[in-house]
Amino acid sequence: MQVFRQPFWKADASRMTLKPFIYISAIFLAIVANVACSDTFVFHPIIIIGPIMYLMIFPACLTQYFYLTFTDDELLIKNGVYTFWHREYKYSDITKISLSGGTGKVGPYIKVYTKNNPRYAWSYVIELVSTKDFPDLLDLMKSKNLPVETDKGFDYLVDRNFTRF
């Protein structure tokens, strides 16, 4: 069994989006606590809009933390935060695997096309797979005889992190 996973806080999305959200929330709570403790405090319902919006957006940010596990006969795609969210693909059912380097808003992602649904595949953002593991990931997929397609963005990430020489 081969697992491609890195710690949660080493993922780019954690460093670039979640940490600023946490810092801004702490500052916002400190300001609200300071104002609430003052003598002239009057509660305004508009104060609650910020935390409610944050609590609505925060769970959506955690949907991009997937990692890959290769067993003898299956490819497992699992979410590192929402542990109930996973998908299993038999190697014999896979017709094509598409790896993309992502855009500026979304990190690298994987699409697995199967015999049951050859035209549509769900996109899984593989934020918990380290970019340094991408060359090994491609080699493992080729050794399992899986048809893999990559785009220019993913090829750039592989070439940038190719450290075998």
N, C-alpha and C. Protein backbone atom coordinates (compact mmCIF):
# COMPACT_ATOMS: atom_id res chain seq x y z
N MET A 1 0.84 -1.17 0.00
CA MET A 1 0.00 0.00 0.00
C MET A 1 0.89 1.24 0.00
N GLN A 2 0.60 2.15 -0.90
CA GLN A 2 1.35 3.40 -1.03
C GLN A 2 0.40 4.56 -0.73
N VAL A 3 0.77 5.42 0.22
CA VAL A 3 -0.05 6.56 0.60
C VAL A 3 0.69 7.84 0.26
N PHE A 4 0.01 8.74 -0.45
CA PHE A 4 0.57 10.05 -0.78
C PHE A 4 -0.19 11.08 0.05
N ARG A 5 0.44 11.51 1.15
CA ARG A 5 -0.21 12.44 2.07
C ARG A 5 0.84 13.26 2.79
N GLN A 6 0.52 14.53 3.02
CA GLN A 6 1.37 15.41 3.81
C GLN A 6 0.54 15.97 4.97
N PRO A 7 1.19 16.54 5.99
CA PRO A 7 0.43 17.11 7.10
C PRO A 7 -0.49 18.26 6.65
N PHE A 8 -1.55 18.46 7.40
CA PHE A 8 -2.57 19.45 7.07
C PHE A 8 -1.99 20.86 6.93
N TRP A 9 -1.14 21.26 7.85
CA TRP A 9 -0.64 22.64 7.84
C TRP A 9 0.46 22.88 6.82
N LYS A 10 0.95 21.83 6.16
CA LYS A 10 1.93 22.02 5.09
C LYS A 10 1.27 22.23 3.73
N ALA A 11 -0.02 22.02 3.65
CA ALA A 11 -0.74 22.22 2.39
C ALA A 11 -0.80 23.71 2.07
N ASP A 12 -0.74 24.03 0.79
CA ASP A 12 -0.74 25.44 0.37
C ASP A 12 -2.02 26.16 0.78
N ALA A 13 -3.16 25.49 0.68
CA ALA A 13 -4.43 26.13 1.03
C ALA A 13 -4.48 26.47 2.52
N SER A 14 -3.87 25.65 3.35
CA SER A 14 -3.85 25.94 4.79
C SER A 14 -3.03 27.18 5.08
N ARG A 15 -1.88 27.25 4.44
CA ARG A 15 -1.00 28.40 4.69
C ARG A 15 -1.55 29.69 4.10
N MET A 16 -2.19 29.59 2.95
CA MET A 16 -2.58 30.80 2.23
C MET A 16 -3.99 31.30 2.56
N THR A 17 -4.88 30.43 2.99
CA THR A 17 -6.25 30.88 3.23
C THR A 17 -6.71 30.70 4.66
N LEU A 18 -6.46 29.56 5.26
CA LEU A 18 -7.01 29.30 6.58
C LEU A 18 -6.31 30.09 7.69
N LYS A 19 -5.00 30.20 7.62
CA LYS A 19 -4.30 30.95 8.66
C LYS A 19 -4.73 32.43 8.68
N PRO A 20 -4.82 33.11 7.54
CA PRO A 20 -5.34 34.49 7.61
C PRO A 20 -6.77 34.56 8.14
N PHE A 21 -7.64 33.59 7.79
CA PHE A 21 -8.99 33.56 8.33
C PHE A 21 -8.95 33.47 9.85
N ILE A 22 -8.09 32.62 10.38
CA ILE A 22 -8.00 32.44 11.83
C ILE A 22 -7.49 33.72 12.49
N TYR A 23 -6.48 34.35 11.92
CA TYR A 23 -5.94 35.58 12.50
C TYR A 23 -6.97 36.71 12.46
N ILE A 24 -7.67 36.85 11.35
CA ILE A 24 -8.69 37.90 11.23
C ILE A 24 -9.83 37.64 12.21
N SER A 25 -10.21 36.39 12.39
CA SER A 25 -11.27 36.06 13.35
C SER A 25 -10.85 36.40 14.76
N ALA A 26 -9.61 36.11 15.12
CA ALA A 26 -9.13 36.41 16.47
C ALA A 26 -9.12 37.92 16.71
N ILE A 27 -8.68 38.67 15.72
CA ILE A 27 -8.67 40.13 15.85
C ILE A 27 -10.10 40.67 15.96
N PHE A 28 -11.01 40.14 15.13
CA PHE A 28 -12.40 40.57 15.17
C PHE A 28 -13.02 40.28 16.53
N LEU A 29 -12.77 39.09 17.09
CA LEU A 29 -13.32 38.75 18.40
C LEU A 29 -12.74 39.64 19.50
N ALA A 30 -11.46 39.99 19.38
CA ALA A 30 -10.85 40.88 20.37
C ALA A 30 -11.49 42.27 20.32
N ILE A 31 -11.75 42.75 19.13
CA ILE A 31 -12.39 44.07 19.00
C ILE A 31 -13.81 44.03 19.55
N VAL A 32 -14.56 42.98 19.22
CA VAL A 32 -15.93 42.86 19.72
C VAL A 32 -15.93 42.73 21.24
N ALA A 33 -15.01 41.97 21.80
CA ALA A 33 -14.94 41.82 23.25
C ALA A 33 -14.59 43.14 23.91
N ASN A 34 -13.70 43.91 23.31
CA ASN A 34 -13.32 45.22 23.86
C ASN A 34 -14.51 46.18 23.84
N VAL A 35 -15.24 46.19 22.74
CA VAL A 35 -16.39 47.08 22.64
C VAL A 35 -17.50 46.62 23.58
N ALA A 36 -17.69 45.29 23.71
CA ALA A 36 -18.76 44.76 24.57
C ALA A 36 -18.50 45.06 26.04
N CYS A 37 -17.26 45.18 26.42
CA CYS A 37 -16.92 45.46 27.82
C CYS A 37 -16.96 46.95 28.14
N SER A 38 -17.17 47.79 27.15
CA SER A 38 -17.20 49.23 27.41
C SER A 38 -18.54 49.61 28.03
N ASP A 39 -18.58 50.79 28.64
CA ASP A 39 -19.79 51.25 29.33
C ASP A 39 -20.88 51.69 28.36
N THR A 40 -20.50 52.10 27.16
CA THR A 40 -21.48 52.64 26.21
C THR A 40 -21.89 51.62 25.16
N PHE A 41 -21.74 50.35 25.45
CA PHE A 41 -22.04 49.31 24.46
C PHE A 41 -23.54 49.15 24.25
N VAL A 42 -23.95 49.15 23.00
CA VAL A 42 -25.32 48.85 22.61
C VAL A 42 -25.23 47.77 21.53
N PHE A 43 -25.95 46.68 21.72
CA PHE A 43 -25.88 45.56 20.78
C PHE A 43 -26.56 45.91 19.47
N HIS A 44 -25.85 45.65 18.36
CA HIS A 44 -26.41 45.81 17.03
C HIS A 44 -26.35 44.46 16.33
N PRO A 45 -27.45 43.99 15.76
CA PRO A 45 -27.44 42.67 15.11
C PRO A 45 -26.49 42.58 13.92
N ILE A 46 -26.08 43.70 13.37
CA ILE A 46 -25.18 43.68 12.21
C ILE A 46 -23.80 43.12 12.59
N ILE A 47 -23.47 43.13 13.87
CA ILE A 47 -22.19 42.59 14.33
C ILE A 47 -22.12 41.09 14.06
N ILE A 48 -23.25 40.41 14.06
CA ILE A 48 -23.29 38.96 13.91
C ILE A 48 -23.07 38.52 12.46
N ILE A 49 -23.23 39.41 11.49
CA ILE A 49 -23.13 39.05 10.08
C ILE A 49 -21.73 38.50 9.75
N GLY A 50 -20.69 39.13 10.23
CA GLY A 50 -19.32 38.68 9.95
C GLY A 50 -19.05 37.26 10.40
N PRO A 51 -19.29 36.95 11.69
CA PRO A 51 -19.06 35.56 12.13
C PRO A 51 -19.95 34.53 11.43
N ILE A 52 -21.18 34.89 11.12
CA ILE A 52 -22.06 33.95 10.42
C ILE A 52 -21.53 33.67 9.02
N MET A 53 -21.10 34.70 8.31
CA MET A 53 -20.52 34.50 6.97
C MET A 53 -19.27 33.64 7.05
N TYR A 54 -18.45 33.89 8.04
CA TYR A 54 -17.24 33.10 8.22
C TYR A 54 -17.57 31.64 8.49
N LEU A 55 -18.54 31.39 9.36
CA LEU A 55 -18.91 30.01 9.67
C LEU A 55 -19.56 29.30 8.49
N MET A 56 -20.11 30.04 7.55
CA MET A 56 -20.67 29.43 6.35
C MET A 56 -19.59 29.11 5.33
N ILE A 57 -18.56 29.93 5.24
CA ILE A 57 -17.50 29.74 4.25
C ILE A 57 -16.46 28.73 4.72
N PHE A 58 -16.16 28.72 6.00
CA PHE A 58 -15.09 27.89 6.54
C PHE A 58 -15.24 26.40 6.20
N PRO A 59 -16.42 25.77 6.38
CA PRO A 59 -16.53 24.34 6.02
C PRO A 59 -16.29 24.06 4.54
N ALA A 60 -16.63 25.00 3.68
CA ALA A 60 -16.41 24.82 2.25
C ALA A 60 -14.92 24.81 1.92
N CYS A 61 -14.13 25.54 2.66
CA CYS A 61 -12.68 25.56 2.43
C CYS A 61 -12.03 24.20 2.70
N LEU A 62 -12.64 23.42 3.55
CA LEU A 62 -12.05 22.14 3.94
C LEU A 62 -12.36 21.00 2.98
N THR A 63 -13.08 21.27 1.91
CA THR A 63 -13.43 20.21 0.96
C THR A 63 -12.31 19.92 -0.04
N GLN A 64 -11.22 20.63 0.03
CA GLN A 64 -10.15 20.44 -0.95
C GLN A 64 -8.97 19.65 -0.40
N TYR A 65 -9.10 19.03 0.73
CA TYR A 65 -7.99 18.32 1.35
C TYR A 65 -8.08 16.82 1.11
N PHE A 66 -7.84 16.41 -0.13
CA PHE A 66 -7.87 14.99 -0.47
C PHE A 66 -6.44 14.46 -0.59
N TYR A 67 -6.29 13.19 -0.32
CA TYR A 67 -5.01 12.50 -0.51
C TYR A 67 -5.30 11.16 -1.18
N LEU A 68 -4.24 10.52 -1.69
CA LEU A 68 -4.38 9.30 -2.49
C LEU A 68 -3.73 8.12 -1.78
N THR A 69 -4.39 6.97 -1.88
CA THR A 69 -3.85 5.72 -1.36
C THR A 69 -3.99 4.67 -2.46
N PHE A 70 -2.89 3.99 -2.75
CA PHE A 70 -2.88 2.92 -3.74
C PHE A 70 -2.72 1.59 -3.02
N THR A 71 -3.70 0.70 -3.21
CA THR A 71 -3.59 -0.65 -2.68
C THR A 71 -3.22 -1.58 -3.83
N ASP A 72 -3.31 -2.87 -3.62
CA ASP A 72 -2.96 -3.82 -4.67
C ASP A 72 -3.93 -3.77 -5.85
N ASP A 73 -5.20 -3.48 -5.58
CA ASP A 73 -6.18 -3.49 -6.67
C ASP A 73 -7.11 -2.28 -6.70
N GLU A 74 -6.88 -1.28 -5.84
CA GLU A 74 -7.76 -0.11 -5.79
C GLU A 74 -7.00 1.18 -5.61
N LEU A 75 -7.58 2.25 -6.15
CA LEU A 75 -7.15 3.62 -5.89
C LEU A 75 -8.17 4.23 -4.95
N LEU A 76 -7.71 4.69 -3.80
CA LEU A 76 -8.59 5.30 -2.81
C LEU A 76 -8.31 6.80 -2.76
N ILE A 77 -9.35 7.60 -2.87
CA ILE A 77 -9.25 9.04 -2.74
C ILE A 77 -10.00 9.40 -1.47
N LYS A 78 -9.28 9.95 -0.49
CA LYS A 78 -9.87 10.24 0.82
C LYS A 78 -9.68 11.70 1.18
N ASN A 79 -10.65 12.25 1.91
CA ASN A 79 -10.54 13.60 2.43
C ASN A 79 -9.91 13.51 3.81
N GLY A 80 -8.92 14.35 4.06
CA GLY A 80 -8.21 14.32 5.33
C GLY A 80 -8.95 14.99 6.47
N VAL A 81 -9.92 15.84 6.16
CA VAL A 81 -10.68 16.54 7.19
C VAL A 81 -12.03 15.86 7.41
N TYR A 82 -12.80 15.73 6.35
CA TYR A 82 -14.08 15.03 6.41
C TYR A 82 -13.80 13.55 6.12
N THR A 83 -13.53 12.78 7.15
CA THR A 83 -13.07 11.41 6.96
C THR A 83 -14.12 10.50 6.35
N PHE A 84 -15.39 10.87 6.42
CA PHE A 84 -16.44 10.06 5.81
C PHE A 84 -16.47 10.20 4.30
N TRP A 85 -15.77 11.19 3.76
CA TRP A 85 -15.81 11.47 2.33
C TRP A 85 -14.65 10.76 1.66
N HIS A 86 -14.92 9.70 0.96
CA HIS A 86 -13.88 8.95 0.26
C HIS A 86 -14.50 8.26 -0.95
N ARG A 87 -13.64 7.84 -1.84
CA ARG A 87 -14.08 7.15 -3.06
C ARG A 87 -13.08 6.06 -3.39
N GLU A 88 -13.58 4.91 -3.79
CA GLU A 88 -12.73 3.77 -4.15
C GLU A 88 -12.92 3.47 -5.62
N TYR A 89 -11.81 3.28 -6.33
CA TYR A 89 -11.84 2.92 -7.74
C TYR A 89 -11.01 1.66 -7.95
N LYS A 90 -11.61 0.65 -8.55
CA LYS A 90 -10.86 -0.56 -8.94
C LYS A 90 -10.02 -0.21 -10.16
N TYR A 91 -8.80 -0.73 -10.20
CA TYR A 91 -7.93 -0.46 -11.35
C TYR A 91 -8.54 -0.96 -12.65
N SER A 92 -9.27 -2.04 -12.59
CA SER A 92 -9.87 -2.61 -13.81
C SER A 92 -11.01 -1.75 -14.35
N ASP A 93 -11.61 -0.90 -13.51
CA ASP A 93 -12.72 -0.05 -13.94
C ASP A 93 -12.26 1.31 -14.48
N ILE A 94 -11.03 1.68 -14.23
CA ILE A 94 -10.54 3.01 -14.61
C ILE A 94 -10.20 3.03 -16.10
N THR A 95 -10.77 4.01 -16.80
CA THR A 95 -10.45 4.18 -18.22
C THR A 95 -9.43 5.29 -18.43
N LYS A 96 -9.44 6.30 -17.56
CA LYS A 96 -8.49 7.40 -17.71
C LYS A 96 -8.41 8.17 -16.39
N ILE A 97 -7.20 8.65 -16.08
CA ILE A 97 -6.98 9.53 -14.95
C ILE A 97 -6.43 10.84 -15.49
N SER A 98 -7.07 11.92 -15.13
CA SER A 98 -6.64 13.24 -15.57
C SER A 98 -6.09 14.00 -14.38
N LEU A 99 -4.86 14.46 -14.49
CA LEU A 99 -4.22 15.26 -13.44
C LEU A 99 -4.02 16.67 -13.96
N SER A 100 -4.47 17.64 -13.19
CA SER A 100 -4.35 19.03 -13.59
C SER A 100 -3.60 19.81 -12.52
N GLY A 101 -2.84 20.78 -12.97
CA GLY A 101 -2.07 21.61 -12.04
C GLY A 101 -2.90 22.64 -11.32
N GLY A 102 -4.14 22.79 -11.72
CA GLY A 102 -5.03 23.73 -11.06
C GLY A 102 -4.87 25.14 -11.60
N THR A 103 -5.66 26.00 -11.04
CA THR A 103 -5.63 27.41 -11.40
C THR A 103 -5.12 28.19 -10.21
N GLY A 104 -5.17 29.49 -10.29
CA GLY A 104 -4.74 30.30 -9.16
C GLY A 104 -5.64 30.17 -7.95
N LYS A 105 -6.91 29.81 -8.17
CA LYS A 105 -7.87 29.69 -7.07
C LYS A 105 -7.93 28.29 -6.49
N VAL A 106 -7.68 27.28 -7.30
CA VAL A 106 -7.79 25.89 -6.89
C VAL A 106 -6.45 25.20 -7.11
N GLY A 107 -6.06 24.35 -6.17
CA GLY A 107 -4.80 23.63 -6.30
C GLY A 107 -4.89 22.48 -7.28
N PRO A 108 -3.87 21.65 -7.33
CA PRO A 108 -3.87 20.52 -8.26
C PRO A 108 -5.02 19.57 -7.94
N TYR A 109 -5.60 19.01 -9.00
CA TYR A 109 -6.72 18.11 -8.79
C TYR A 109 -6.64 16.91 -9.71
N ILE A 110 -7.42 15.88 -9.35
CA ILE A 110 -7.45 14.62 -10.08
C ILE A 110 -8.89 14.32 -10.48
N LYS A 111 -9.04 13.76 -11.67
CA LYS A 111 -10.32 13.26 -12.15
C LYS A 111 -10.10 11.81 -12.57
N VAL A 112 -10.98 10.93 -12.14
CA VAL A 112 -10.87 9.51 -12.47
C VAL A 112 -12.11 9.12 -13.28
N TYR A 113 -11.88 8.74 -14.53
CA TYR A 113 -12.96 8.31 -15.41
C TYR A 113 -13.04 6.79 -15.36
N THR A 114 -14.26 6.27 -15.26
CA THR A 114 -14.46 4.84 -15.16
C THR A 114 -15.28 4.31 -16.34
N LYS A 115 -15.39 2.99 -16.43
CA LYS A 115 -16.19 2.37 -17.49
C LYS A 115 -17.67 2.69 -17.32
N ASN A 116 -18.12 2.84 -16.08
CA ASN A 116 -19.53 3.15 -15.82
C ASN A 116 -19.89 4.56 -16.24
N ASN A 117 -18.96 5.49 -16.13
CA ASN A 117 -19.21 6.88 -16.47
C ASN A 117 -18.00 7.45 -17.21
N PRO A 118 -17.84 7.15 -18.51
CA PRO A 118 -16.62 7.53 -19.22
C PRO A 118 -16.54 9.01 -19.61
N ARG A 119 -17.64 9.75 -19.52
CA ARG A 119 -17.63 11.15 -19.97
C ARG A 119 -17.52 12.15 -18.85
N TYR A 120 -17.87 11.76 -17.64
CA TYR A 120 -17.87 12.72 -16.53
C TYR A 120 -17.14 12.12 -15.34
N ALA A 121 -16.35 12.94 -14.69
CA ALA A 121 -15.66 12.52 -13.47
C ALA A 121 -15.65 13.69 -12.49
N TRP A 122 -15.76 13.37 -11.23
CA TRP A 122 -15.73 14.37 -10.18
C TRP A 122 -14.29 14.86 -10.00
N SER A 123 -14.11 16.13 -9.75
CA SER A 123 -12.78 16.70 -9.51
C SER A 123 -12.48 16.68 -8.01
N TYR A 124 -11.35 16.10 -7.66
CA TYR A 124 -10.89 16.07 -6.27
C TYR A 124 -9.61 16.89 -6.17
N VAL A 125 -9.64 17.94 -5.37
CA VAL A 125 -8.46 18.77 -5.17
C VAL A 125 -7.54 18.02 -4.20
N ILE A 126 -6.36 17.67 -4.67
CA ILE A 126 -5.43 16.84 -3.89
C ILE A 126 -4.42 17.73 -3.17
N GLU A 127 -4.94 18.54 -2.27
CA GLU A 127 -4.13 19.49 -1.53
C GLU A 127 -3.23 18.79 -0.52
N LEU A 128 -3.62 17.62 -0.03
CA LEU A 128 -2.80 16.91 0.95
C LEU A 128 -1.73 16.03 0.32
N VAL A 129 -1.61 16.06 -0.99
CA VAL A 129 -0.50 15.36 -1.66
C VAL A 129 0.59 16.40 -1.91
N SER A 130 1.75 16.13 -1.40
CA SER A 130 2.86 17.06 -1.56
C SER A 130 3.29 17.14 -3.02
N THR A 131 3.63 18.34 -3.47
CA THR A 131 4.08 18.49 -4.85
C THR A 131 5.40 17.76 -5.09
N LYS A 132 6.16 17.52 -4.05
CA LYS A 132 7.40 16.76 -4.20
C LYS A 132 7.15 15.28 -4.49
N ASP A 133 5.94 14.82 -4.19
CA ASP A 133 5.58 13.43 -4.46
C ASP A 133 4.98 13.21 -5.83
N PHE A 134 4.77 14.26 -6.61
CA PHE A 134 4.13 14.11 -7.91
C PHE A 134 4.91 13.22 -8.88
N PRO A 135 6.25 13.32 -8.97
CA PRO A 135 6.96 12.39 -9.86
C PRO A 135 6.77 10.92 -9.45
N ASP A 136 6.81 10.64 -8.14
CA ASP A 136 6.59 9.28 -7.67
C ASP A 136 5.15 8.83 -7.92
N LEU A 137 4.22 9.76 -7.81
CA LEU A 137 2.82 9.46 -8.07
C LEU A 137 2.62 9.04 -9.52
N LEU A 138 3.22 9.78 -10.44
CA LEU A 138 3.11 9.43 -11.86
C LEU A 138 3.78 8.08 -12.15
N ASP A 139 4.93 7.84 -11.56
CA ASP A 139 5.62 6.56 -11.77
C ASP A 139 4.78 5.39 -11.24
N LEU A 140 4.14 5.58 -10.10
CA LEU A 140 3.32 4.52 -9.54
C LEU A 140 2.09 4.25 -10.42
N MET A 141 1.48 5.32 -10.93
CA MET A 141 0.33 5.14 -11.82
C MET A 141 0.72 4.40 -13.09
N LYS A 142 1.89 4.72 -13.62
CA LYS A 142 2.35 4.03 -14.82
C LYS A 142 2.70 2.57 -14.53
N SER A 143 3.24 2.30 -13.34
CA SER A 143 3.56 0.92 -12.99
C SER A 143 2.30 0.08 -12.77
N LYS A 144 1.21 0.72 -12.40
CA LYS A 144 -0.08 0.02 -12.25
C LYS A 144 -0.84 -0.04 -13.56
N ASN A 145 -0.24 0.42 -14.66
CA ASN A 145 -0.84 0.43 -16.00
C ASN A 145 -2.13 1.24 -16.06
N LEU A 146 -2.12 2.38 -15.41
CA LEU A 146 -3.27 3.28 -15.44
C LEU A 146 -3.03 4.35 -16.49
N PRO A 147 -3.99 4.60 -17.38
CA PRO A 147 -3.82 5.66 -18.38
C PRO A 147 -3.92 7.03 -17.72
N VAL A 148 -2.86 7.80 -17.82
CA VAL A 148 -2.78 9.10 -17.15
C VAL A 148 -2.61 10.20 -18.17
N GLU A 149 -3.38 11.27 -18.02
CA GLU A 149 -3.22 12.48 -18.82
C GLU A 149 -2.90 13.63 -17.87
N THR A 150 -1.94 14.44 -18.25
CA THR A 150 -1.58 15.61 -17.45
C THR A 150 -1.68 16.85 -18.32
N ASP A 151 -1.88 18.00 -17.67
CA ASP A 151 -1.90 19.25 -18.41
C ASP A 151 -0.58 19.98 -18.17
N LYS A 152 -0.44 21.14 -18.77
CA LYS A 152 0.82 21.89 -18.66
C LYS A 152 1.11 22.32 -17.23
N GLY A 153 0.06 22.67 -16.49
CA GLY A 153 0.25 23.08 -15.10
C GLY A 153 0.79 21.96 -14.23
N PHE A 154 0.27 20.77 -14.42
CA PHE A 154 0.75 19.63 -13.64
C PHE A 154 2.16 19.24 -14.07
N ASP A 155 2.43 19.29 -15.38
CA ASP A 155 3.78 18.99 -15.87
C ASP A 155 4.80 19.97 -15.28
N TYR A 156 4.39 21.22 -15.14
CA TYR A 156 5.28 22.22 -14.53
C TYR A 156 5.57 21.84 -13.08
N LEU A 157 4.54 21.43 -12.34
CA LEU A 157 4.76 21.05 -10.94
C LEU A 157 5.66 19.83 -10.83
N VAL A 158 5.54 18.89 -11.76
CA VAL A 158 6.39 17.70 -11.75
C VAL A 158 7.83 18.07 -12.08
N ASP A 159 8.03 18.88 -13.12
CA ASP A 159 9.39 19.27 -13.51
C ASP A 159 10.06 20.11 -12.44
N ARG A 160 9.31 20.97 -11.79
CA ARG A 160 9.87 21.83 -10.75
C ARG A 160 10.33 21.01 -9.55
N ASN A 161 9.65 19.91 -9.27
CA ASN A 161 9.96 19.10 -8.09
C ASN A 161 10.68 17.81 -8.42
N PHE A 162 11.20 17.70 -9.63
CA PHE A 162 11.91 16.48 -10.01
C PHE A 162 13.30 16.51 -9.38
N THR A 163 13.52 15.67 -8.40
CA THR A 163 14.76 15.72 -7.61
C THR A 163 15.53 14.41 -7.64
N ARG A 164 15.42 13.65 -8.69
CA ARG A 164 16.09 12.35 -8.72
C ARG A 164 17.53 12.41 -9.20
N PHE A 165 17.95 13.49 -9.79
CA PHE A 165 19.31 13.57 -10.30
C PHE A 165 20.28 14.02 -9.26
